[in-house]
N, C-alpha and C. Protein backbone atom coordinates (compact mmCIF):
# COMPACT_ATOMS: atom_id res chain seq x y z
N MET A 1 -36.58 -1.13 78.85
CA MET A 1 -35.78 0.08 79.03
C MET A 1 -34.68 -0.23 80.02
N SER A 2 -33.43 0.04 79.63
CA SER A 2 -32.31 -0.24 80.53
C SER A 2 -32.31 0.75 81.69
N GLU A 3 -31.54 0.41 82.71
CA GLU A 3 -31.43 1.27 83.90
C GLU A 3 -31.01 2.69 83.52
N SER A 4 -30.00 2.83 82.66
CA SER A 4 -29.53 4.16 82.31
C SER A 4 -30.56 4.89 81.43
N ASP A 5 -31.27 4.18 80.56
CA ASP A 5 -32.33 4.81 79.77
C ASP A 5 -33.44 5.30 80.68
N HIS A 6 -33.79 4.49 81.68
CA HIS A 6 -34.82 4.87 82.64
C HIS A 6 -34.37 6.10 83.42
N HIS A 7 -33.12 6.12 83.85
CA HIS A 7 -32.59 7.26 84.58
C HIS A 7 -32.63 8.52 83.72
N ARG A 8 -32.20 8.41 82.46
CA ARG A 8 -32.22 9.56 81.56
C ARG A 8 -33.65 10.08 81.35
N SER A 9 -34.61 9.16 81.27
CA SER A 9 -36.02 9.57 81.12
C SER A 9 -36.48 10.35 82.35
N LEU A 10 -36.07 9.90 83.53
CA LEU A 10 -36.43 10.61 84.76
C LEU A 10 -35.77 11.98 84.83
N VAL A 11 -34.50 12.06 84.44
CA VAL A 11 -33.79 13.35 84.44
C VAL A 11 -34.50 14.32 83.49
N ARG A 12 -34.80 13.86 82.30
CA ARG A 12 -35.46 14.71 81.29
C ARG A 12 -36.82 15.19 81.79
N ALA A 13 -37.61 14.28 82.36
CA ALA A 13 -38.94 14.63 82.85
C ALA A 13 -38.85 15.61 84.03
N LEU A 14 -37.90 15.37 84.94
CA LEU A 14 -37.74 16.27 86.09
C LEU A 14 -37.27 17.65 85.64
N ALA A 15 -36.37 17.71 84.67
CA ALA A 15 -35.89 19.00 84.16
C ALA A 15 -37.04 19.80 83.55
N GLU A 16 -37.95 19.14 82.86
CA GLU A 16 -39.11 19.83 82.28
C GLU A 16 -40.01 20.40 83.37
N VAL A 17 -40.23 19.64 84.43
CA VAL A 17 -41.08 20.12 85.53
C VAL A 17 -40.42 21.29 86.24
N ILE A 18 -39.13 21.17 86.52
CA ILE A 18 -38.40 22.25 87.20
C ILE A 18 -38.42 23.51 86.34
N SER A 19 -38.14 23.38 85.07
CA SER A 19 -38.10 24.55 84.17
C SER A 19 -39.43 25.28 84.10
N GLY A 20 -40.52 24.55 84.19
CA GLY A 20 -41.84 25.15 84.08
C GLY A 20 -42.50 25.52 85.38
N ASP A 21 -41.80 25.38 86.51
CA ASP A 21 -42.42 25.65 87.81
C ASP A 21 -42.67 27.14 88.01
N SER A 22 -43.65 27.44 88.83
CA SER A 22 -44.05 28.83 89.08
C SER A 22 -43.12 29.55 90.06
N VAL A 23 -42.13 28.86 90.62
CA VAL A 23 -41.21 29.48 91.58
C VAL A 23 -40.32 30.53 90.90
N TRP A 24 -40.18 30.45 89.59
CA TRP A 24 -39.24 31.31 88.88
C TRP A 24 -39.83 32.68 88.59
N THR A 25 -39.03 33.72 88.85
CA THR A 25 -39.39 35.09 88.47
C THR A 25 -39.12 35.29 86.98
N ASN A 26 -37.99 34.82 86.54
CA ASN A 26 -37.57 34.88 85.13
C ASN A 26 -37.35 33.45 84.65
N SER A 27 -36.91 33.32 83.43
CA SER A 27 -36.54 31.99 82.94
C SER A 27 -35.27 31.56 83.67
N PRO A 28 -35.29 30.38 84.29
CA PRO A 28 -34.10 29.95 85.03
C PRO A 28 -33.01 29.46 84.09
N ILE A 29 -31.80 29.46 84.61
CA ILE A 29 -30.68 28.79 83.95
C ILE A 29 -30.72 27.36 84.46
N VAL A 30 -30.82 26.38 83.56
CA VAL A 30 -30.96 24.99 83.96
C VAL A 30 -29.83 24.18 83.33
N TYR A 31 -29.08 23.49 84.17
CA TYR A 31 -28.00 22.61 83.72
C TYR A 31 -28.42 21.17 84.00
N CYS A 32 -28.26 20.30 83.00
CA CYS A 32 -28.64 18.89 83.15
C CYS A 32 -27.47 17.98 82.83
N ASP A 33 -27.33 16.93 83.61
CA ASP A 33 -26.35 15.88 83.35
C ASP A 33 -27.10 14.70 82.74
N MET A 34 -27.06 14.61 81.42
CA MET A 34 -27.78 13.53 80.75
C MET A 34 -26.89 12.29 80.54
N GLN A 35 -25.65 12.34 81.00
CA GLN A 35 -24.71 11.22 80.91
C GLN A 35 -24.52 10.72 79.49
N ASP A 36 -24.59 11.64 78.52
CA ASP A 36 -24.40 11.22 77.13
C ASP A 36 -23.29 12.02 76.44
N ASP A 37 -22.53 12.78 77.21
CA ASP A 37 -21.42 13.59 76.70
C ASP A 37 -21.85 14.63 75.67
N CYS A 38 -23.14 14.92 75.60
CA CYS A 38 -23.63 15.95 74.66
C CYS A 38 -23.94 17.26 75.36
N ALA A 39 -23.87 17.27 76.67
CA ALA A 39 -24.24 18.47 77.41
C ALA A 39 -23.17 19.55 77.21
N ALA A 40 -23.62 20.75 76.90
CA ALA A 40 -22.69 21.87 76.75
C ALA A 40 -22.26 22.39 78.12
N ASP A 41 -23.19 22.43 79.04
CA ASP A 41 -22.91 22.92 80.38
C ASP A 41 -23.38 21.89 81.40
N TRP A 42 -22.47 21.39 82.16
CA TRP A 42 -22.79 20.39 83.18
C TRP A 42 -23.18 21.10 84.47
N PRO A 43 -23.99 20.46 85.30
CA PRO A 43 -24.25 21.03 86.62
C PRO A 43 -22.95 21.11 87.41
N PRO A 44 -22.83 22.08 88.31
CA PRO A 44 -21.60 22.19 89.10
C PRO A 44 -21.46 21.03 90.09
N ILE A 45 -20.23 20.74 90.44
CA ILE A 45 -19.98 19.73 91.48
C ILE A 45 -20.27 20.39 92.82
N ILE A 46 -21.05 19.72 93.63
CA ILE A 46 -21.42 20.22 94.96
C ILE A 46 -20.92 19.20 95.97
N GLY A 47 -20.02 19.64 96.85
CA GLY A 47 -19.32 18.67 97.70
C GLY A 47 -18.46 17.83 96.79
N SER A 48 -18.68 16.54 96.79
CA SER A 48 -17.96 15.67 95.86
C SER A 48 -18.92 15.01 94.87
N ASN A 49 -20.10 15.66 94.68
CA ASN A 49 -21.14 15.07 93.84
C ASN A 49 -21.63 16.07 92.80
N ARG A 50 -21.99 15.53 91.64
CA ARG A 50 -22.59 16.36 90.60
C ARG A 50 -24.07 15.99 90.50
N PRO A 51 -24.97 16.94 90.76
CA PRO A 51 -26.39 16.62 90.67
C PRO A 51 -26.82 16.40 89.22
N ASP A 52 -27.95 15.76 89.04
CA ASP A 52 -28.48 15.57 87.69
C ASP A 52 -28.95 16.89 87.10
N ILE A 53 -29.48 17.77 87.95
CA ILE A 53 -30.01 19.05 87.49
C ILE A 53 -29.63 20.13 88.49
N PHE A 54 -29.22 21.28 87.98
CA PHE A 54 -29.00 22.46 88.81
C PHE A 54 -29.67 23.62 88.10
N ALA A 55 -30.57 24.30 88.78
CA ALA A 55 -31.30 25.42 88.19
C ALA A 55 -31.19 26.63 89.10
N LYS A 56 -31.06 27.80 88.48
CA LYS A 56 -30.91 29.03 89.25
C LYS A 56 -31.58 30.18 88.51
N ASP A 57 -32.24 31.03 89.29
CA ASP A 57 -32.79 32.27 88.79
C ASP A 57 -32.02 33.38 89.49
N LEU A 58 -31.19 34.08 88.75
CA LEU A 58 -30.34 35.10 89.34
C LEU A 58 -31.15 36.26 89.92
N ALA A 59 -32.27 36.59 89.31
CA ALA A 59 -33.08 37.72 89.78
C ALA A 59 -33.70 37.45 91.14
N SER A 60 -34.18 36.24 91.37
CA SER A 60 -34.86 35.94 92.63
C SER A 60 -34.01 35.13 93.61
N SER A 61 -32.80 34.78 93.23
CA SER A 61 -31.88 33.98 94.06
C SER A 61 -32.43 32.60 94.41
N VAL A 62 -33.30 32.06 93.57
CA VAL A 62 -33.81 30.70 93.77
C VAL A 62 -32.80 29.72 93.18
N SER A 63 -32.45 28.69 93.98
CA SER A 63 -31.57 27.61 93.52
C SER A 63 -32.29 26.29 93.74
N ILE A 64 -32.31 25.46 92.71
CA ILE A 64 -32.92 24.13 92.83
C ILE A 64 -31.91 23.09 92.40
N ILE A 65 -31.76 22.08 93.22
CA ILE A 65 -30.97 20.91 92.86
C ILE A 65 -31.95 19.79 92.62
N GLY A 66 -31.85 19.16 91.45
CA GLY A 66 -32.72 18.05 91.10
C GLY A 66 -31.91 16.77 90.97
N GLU A 67 -32.44 15.72 91.55
CA GLU A 67 -31.78 14.42 91.48
C GLU A 67 -32.80 13.37 91.08
N ALA A 68 -32.52 12.64 90.00
CA ALA A 68 -33.39 11.56 89.54
C ALA A 68 -32.85 10.24 90.08
N LYS A 69 -33.76 9.41 90.55
CA LYS A 69 -33.36 8.12 91.11
C LYS A 69 -34.30 7.03 90.62
N THR A 70 -33.72 5.93 90.16
CA THR A 70 -34.54 4.76 89.85
C THR A 70 -34.89 4.07 91.16
N ALA A 71 -35.84 3.19 91.12
CA ALA A 71 -36.33 2.53 92.34
C ALA A 71 -35.21 1.84 93.12
N GLU A 72 -34.26 1.26 92.40
CA GLU A 72 -33.19 0.51 93.04
C GLU A 72 -32.10 1.40 93.62
N ASP A 73 -32.14 2.69 93.34
CA ASP A 73 -31.03 3.57 93.70
C ASP A 73 -31.41 4.66 94.70
N ILE A 74 -32.51 4.51 95.40
CA ILE A 74 -32.94 5.56 96.32
C ILE A 74 -32.39 5.36 97.73
N ASP A 75 -32.58 4.19 98.27
CA ASP A 75 -32.27 3.94 99.69
C ASP A 75 -30.92 3.25 99.82
N ASN A 76 -29.85 4.04 99.69
CA ASN A 76 -28.51 3.48 99.84
C ASN A 76 -27.54 4.58 100.31
N SER A 77 -26.35 4.18 100.70
CA SER A 77 -25.40 5.14 101.26
C SER A 77 -24.93 6.18 100.23
N HIS A 78 -24.83 5.80 98.97
CA HIS A 78 -24.43 6.75 97.93
C HIS A 78 -25.45 7.90 97.83
N THR A 79 -26.72 7.57 97.81
CA THR A 79 -27.77 8.59 97.73
C THR A 79 -27.76 9.45 98.99
N PHE A 80 -27.57 8.82 100.17
CA PHE A 80 -27.51 9.59 101.42
C PHE A 80 -26.38 10.62 101.35
N GLU A 81 -25.22 10.19 100.84
CA GLU A 81 -24.07 11.10 100.75
C GLU A 81 -24.34 12.22 99.76
N GLN A 82 -24.94 11.89 98.61
CA GLN A 82 -25.29 12.92 97.63
C GLN A 82 -26.24 13.95 98.25
N LEU A 83 -27.33 13.47 98.84
CA LEU A 83 -28.33 14.38 99.41
C LEU A 83 -27.74 15.23 100.53
N ALA A 84 -26.85 14.65 101.34
CA ALA A 84 -26.22 15.43 102.41
C ALA A 84 -25.40 16.58 101.82
N SER A 85 -24.68 16.33 100.73
CA SER A 85 -23.93 17.40 100.06
C SER A 85 -24.87 18.48 99.55
N TYR A 86 -25.97 18.06 98.94
CA TYR A 86 -26.91 19.02 98.36
C TYR A 86 -27.60 19.84 99.44
N PHE A 87 -28.02 19.20 100.52
CA PHE A 87 -28.64 19.96 101.62
C PHE A 87 -27.63 20.91 102.26
N GLY A 88 -26.38 20.48 102.36
CA GLY A 88 -25.34 21.36 102.90
C GLY A 88 -25.19 22.62 102.08
N TYR A 89 -25.29 22.49 100.77
CA TYR A 89 -25.22 23.66 99.89
C TYR A 89 -26.49 24.50 99.98
N LEU A 90 -27.64 23.85 99.87
CA LEU A 90 -28.92 24.56 99.80
C LEU A 90 -29.26 25.32 101.08
N GLN A 91 -28.80 24.82 102.22
CA GLN A 91 -29.15 25.50 103.47
C GLN A 91 -28.49 26.87 103.58
N HIS A 92 -27.51 27.13 102.74
CA HIS A 92 -26.83 28.43 102.77
C HIS A 92 -27.25 29.34 101.61
N GLN A 93 -28.24 28.92 100.85
CA GLN A 93 -28.76 29.73 99.74
C GLN A 93 -29.95 30.56 100.23
N PRO A 94 -30.17 31.74 99.64
CA PRO A 94 -31.32 32.55 100.05
C PRO A 94 -32.65 31.80 99.90
N HIS A 95 -32.79 31.05 98.81
CA HIS A 95 -33.99 30.24 98.60
C HIS A 95 -33.57 29.00 97.82
N GLY A 96 -33.32 27.91 98.53
CA GLY A 96 -32.89 26.67 97.90
C GLY A 96 -33.90 25.58 98.10
N GLU A 97 -34.04 24.71 97.11
CA GLU A 97 -34.96 23.57 97.19
C GLU A 97 -34.28 22.34 96.62
N LEU A 98 -34.65 21.18 97.17
CA LEU A 98 -34.20 19.90 96.63
C LEU A 98 -35.41 19.23 95.98
N TRP A 99 -35.23 18.79 94.74
CA TRP A 99 -36.28 18.07 94.02
C TRP A 99 -35.74 16.68 93.68
N MET A 100 -36.56 15.66 93.87
CA MET A 100 -36.21 14.30 93.46
C MET A 100 -37.25 13.81 92.47
N GLY A 101 -36.78 13.26 91.37
CA GLY A 101 -37.64 12.63 90.38
C GLY A 101 -37.47 11.13 90.47
N VAL A 102 -38.59 10.43 90.70
CA VAL A 102 -38.54 8.99 90.93
C VAL A 102 -39.69 8.29 90.20
N PRO A 103 -39.60 6.97 90.03
CA PRO A 103 -40.73 6.23 89.48
C PRO A 103 -41.94 6.33 90.42
N TRP A 104 -43.12 6.20 89.86
CA TRP A 104 -44.38 6.37 90.57
C TRP A 104 -44.43 5.64 91.91
N LEU A 105 -44.07 4.38 91.93
CA LEU A 105 -44.20 3.56 93.14
C LEU A 105 -43.09 3.80 94.17
N SER A 106 -42.13 4.67 93.84
CA SER A 106 -41.01 4.92 94.74
C SER A 106 -41.12 6.24 95.50
N ALA A 107 -42.23 6.93 95.36
CA ALA A 107 -42.39 8.24 95.99
C ALA A 107 -42.24 8.16 97.51
N GLY A 108 -42.86 7.19 98.14
CA GLY A 108 -42.77 7.06 99.60
C GLY A 108 -41.35 6.88 100.08
N THR A 109 -40.60 6.04 99.39
CA THR A 109 -39.19 5.82 99.76
C THR A 109 -38.39 7.11 99.59
N ALA A 110 -38.63 7.83 98.50
CA ALA A 110 -37.90 9.08 98.25
C ALA A 110 -38.22 10.13 99.32
N ILE A 111 -39.47 10.22 99.72
CA ILE A 111 -39.85 11.16 100.77
C ILE A 111 -39.17 10.78 102.08
N ARG A 112 -39.21 9.50 102.44
CA ARG A 112 -38.59 9.04 103.68
C ARG A 112 -37.09 9.31 103.70
N VAL A 113 -36.40 8.95 102.62
CA VAL A 113 -34.95 9.12 102.56
C VAL A 113 -34.57 10.61 102.58
N SER A 114 -35.24 11.41 101.77
CA SER A 114 -34.86 12.83 101.70
C SER A 114 -35.17 13.57 103.00
N THR A 115 -36.28 13.29 103.64
CA THR A 115 -36.57 13.97 104.91
C THR A 115 -35.62 13.50 106.01
N HIS A 116 -35.21 12.24 105.97
CA HIS A 116 -34.25 11.73 106.95
C HIS A 116 -32.90 12.45 106.80
N VAL A 117 -32.41 12.53 105.57
CA VAL A 117 -31.12 13.19 105.33
C VAL A 117 -31.22 14.68 105.65
N ARG A 118 -32.33 15.30 105.30
CA ARG A 118 -32.51 16.73 105.62
C ARG A 118 -32.42 16.96 107.12
N SER A 119 -33.03 16.09 107.93
CA SER A 119 -32.97 16.27 109.39
C SER A 119 -31.57 16.02 109.93
N LYS A 120 -30.84 15.08 109.34
CA LYS A 120 -29.48 14.78 109.78
C LYS A 120 -28.50 15.90 109.43
N THR A 121 -28.83 16.72 108.44
CA THR A 121 -27.93 17.80 108.01
C THR A 121 -28.37 19.16 108.55
N ASP A 122 -29.33 19.17 109.46
CA ASP A 122 -29.83 20.42 110.05
C ASP A 122 -30.29 21.42 108.99
N ALA A 123 -30.96 20.92 107.96
CA ALA A 123 -31.44 21.78 106.88
C ALA A 123 -32.97 21.76 106.84
N ALA A 124 -33.59 21.79 108.00
CA ALA A 124 -35.05 21.65 108.11
C ALA A 124 -35.82 22.70 107.31
N HIS A 125 -35.20 23.85 107.06
CA HIS A 125 -35.89 24.92 106.33
C HIS A 125 -35.83 24.74 104.81
N VAL A 126 -35.07 23.76 104.31
CA VAL A 126 -34.94 23.55 102.87
C VAL A 126 -36.12 22.70 102.38
N PRO A 127 -36.95 23.26 101.50
CA PRO A 127 -38.09 22.49 100.98
C PRO A 127 -37.63 21.32 100.12
N ILE A 128 -38.43 20.27 100.17
CA ILE A 128 -38.21 19.07 99.35
C ILE A 128 -39.46 18.89 98.48
N ARG A 129 -39.22 18.60 97.21
CA ARG A 129 -40.33 18.21 96.33
C ARG A 129 -39.97 16.88 95.71
N VAL A 130 -40.83 15.92 95.88
CA VAL A 130 -40.66 14.61 95.25
C VAL A 130 -41.67 14.54 94.12
N VAL A 131 -41.16 14.33 92.92
CA VAL A 131 -42.00 14.24 91.73
C VAL A 131 -41.97 12.79 91.27
N ALA A 132 -43.13 12.14 91.33
CA ALA A 132 -43.23 10.74 90.92
C ALA A 132 -43.77 10.69 89.49
N PHE A 133 -43.12 9.91 88.66
CA PHE A 133 -43.48 9.82 87.25
C PHE A 133 -43.92 8.41 86.90
N LEU A 134 -44.95 8.34 86.07
CA LEU A 134 -45.35 7.11 85.39
C LEU A 134 -45.13 7.44 83.92
N ILE A 135 -43.97 7.02 83.40
CA ILE A 135 -43.56 7.42 82.06
C ILE A 135 -43.98 6.35 81.06
N GLY A 136 -44.65 6.78 80.03
CA GLY A 136 -45.11 5.88 78.97
C GLY A 136 -45.59 6.71 77.80
N ASN A 137 -46.50 6.14 77.00
CA ASN A 137 -47.06 6.90 75.88
C ASN A 137 -47.74 8.16 76.37
N VAL A 138 -48.44 8.05 77.48
CA VAL A 138 -49.02 9.21 78.16
C VAL A 138 -48.38 9.23 79.54
N SER A 139 -47.61 10.26 79.82
CA SER A 139 -46.92 10.34 81.10
C SER A 139 -47.80 11.00 82.15
N ILE A 140 -47.68 10.51 83.37
CA ILE A 140 -48.43 11.04 84.51
C ILE A 140 -47.41 11.42 85.58
N ARG A 141 -47.68 12.49 86.31
CA ARG A 141 -46.79 12.85 87.41
C ARG A 141 -47.62 13.38 88.58
N ARG A 142 -47.03 13.25 89.75
CA ARG A 142 -47.61 13.81 90.97
C ARG A 142 -46.48 14.35 91.81
N ILE A 143 -46.72 15.50 92.48
CA ILE A 143 -45.68 16.15 93.25
C ILE A 143 -46.08 16.21 94.71
N TRP A 144 -45.15 15.80 95.58
CA TRP A 144 -45.33 15.93 97.04
C TRP A 144 -44.33 16.98 97.53
N CYS A 145 -44.79 17.88 98.37
CA CYS A 145 -43.93 18.90 98.94
C CYS A 145 -43.75 18.65 100.43
N GLU A 146 -42.54 18.69 100.90
CA GLU A 146 -42.23 18.50 102.32
C GLU A 146 -41.56 19.73 102.85
């Protein structure tokens, strides 16, 4: 599986988890960037970055930004800048959360990076959920909440 195929698999899996989460009062509006030019509605640009997933429930004012990262793309300055933009936006929402979808063995790195950026952006009240996926014929996932 190529890097972009792996990334698309993570985006798709994370979008399914976000869409089905119990945080929603109603069915959320979910925008996904699948990087295949087939998307009718792209997630909005936040700061200078476009997240992989943006979900909103207008009735409950819940906003979720989802970002999928392959193992090689978690701990770098580009991801730090993306997450800083997203935390900057989410800290001003009535109920905002950041979700990261990563490969199974990268959960620890994703938790470390996201909590570090959250503390640097003074967004300590913004919840983080890291969803680790083992994608195959039978997919497995585990969620950590910070």
